[in-house]
Amino acid sequence: MPSSVIASYGYDKEEQILRIVFVSGMIYVYKGVPLSIFESFKRLGSKGIYFNQFIKNRYAFERVNE
């Protein structure tokens, strides 16, 4: 999963929560993300571009400190 912005990600299908760890170390959870959006995000090559176009500013989110 090469990305200059996103280090890793995970998805909870039952809760529809997408968890993204950015290269900067910041962790965000995005709520109410449909499985179809996650599947497209996972499948496409440029995670950062897809994130900016289809996830960022479209779903409720919160920053997680771990």
Protein backbone atom coordinates (compact mmCIF):
# COMPACT_ATOMS: atom_id res chain seq x y z
CA MET A 1 0.00 0.00 0.00
CA PRO A 2 2.38 2.72 -1.08
CA SER A 3 1.16 6.17 -0.06
CA SER A 4 3.02 9.34 0.75
CA VAL A 5 0.22 10.41 3.12
CA ILE A 6 -1.42 7.30 4.61
CA ALA A 7 0.67 4.82 6.59
CA SER A 8 -2.08 2.28 7.30
CA TYR A 9 -5.82 1.85 7.62
CA GLY A 10 -8.48 -0.51 8.91
CA TYR A 11 -12.23 -0.85 8.64
CA ASP A 12 -14.94 -2.09 11.00
CA LYS A 13 -17.72 -3.35 8.73
CA GLU A 14 -20.36 -3.61 11.46
CA GLU A 15 -19.75 -0.11 12.82
CA GLN A 16 -18.85 1.41 9.42
CA ILE A 17 -15.74 3.02 10.90
CA LEU A 18 -12.64 3.69 8.84
CA ARG A 19 -9.46 4.16 10.88
CA ILE A 20 -6.58 5.88 9.12
CA VAL A 21 -3.03 6.31 10.39
CA PHE A 22 -1.30 9.09 8.54
CA VAL A 23 2.44 9.17 7.85
CA SER A 24 2.64 12.07 10.32
CA GLY A 25 1.54 9.66 13.07
CA MET A 26 -1.90 11.21 13.50
CA ILE A 27 -4.78 8.74 13.75
CA TYR A 28 -8.33 9.56 12.72
CA VAL A 29 -11.53 7.54 12.70
CA TYR A 30 -14.21 8.32 10.13
CA LYS A 31 -17.74 7.28 11.04
CA GLY A 32 -20.55 6.09 8.81
CA VAL A 33 -18.28 5.17 5.91
CA PRO A 34 -20.12 2.66 3.69
CA LEU A 35 -18.43 -0.60 2.80
CA SER A 36 -18.52 0.36 -0.89
CA ILE A 37 -16.42 3.47 -0.19
CA PHE A 38 -13.93 1.45 1.84
CA GLU A 39 -13.68 -1.22 -0.87
CA SER A 40 -12.94 1.44 -3.50
CA PHE A 41 -10.42 3.12 -1.20
CA LYS A 42 -8.69 -0.21 -0.59
CA ARG A 43 -8.66 -1.18 -4.28
CA LEU A 44 -7.37 2.03 -5.84
CA GLY A 45 -3.70 2.92 -6.06
CA SER A 46 -3.62 6.49 -4.80
CA LYS A 47 -5.00 6.40 -1.27
CA GLY A 48 -4.36 10.10 -0.67
CA ILE A 49 -6.23 11.27 -3.76
CA TYR A 50 -9.19 8.97 -3.09
CA PHE A 51 -9.24 10.04 0.57
CA ASN A 52 -9.32 13.73 -0.36
CA GLN A 53 -12.05 13.29 -2.98
CA PHE A 54 -14.39 10.82 -1.31
CA ILE A 55 -13.78 10.68 2.45
CA LYS A 56 -12.28 13.89 3.82
CA ASN A 57 -14.95 16.45 4.74
CA ARG A 58 -17.73 13.96 3.85
CA TYR A 59 -17.89 11.86 7.01
CA ALA A 60 -17.87 12.69 10.70
CA PHE A 61 -14.44 12.09 12.18
CA GLU A 62 -12.42 12.38 15.33
CA ARG A 63 -8.74 12.37 16.09
CA VAL A 64 -7.58 9.47 18.24
CA ASN A 65 -4.61 9.73 20.56
CA GLU A 66 -3.02 6.34 21.08
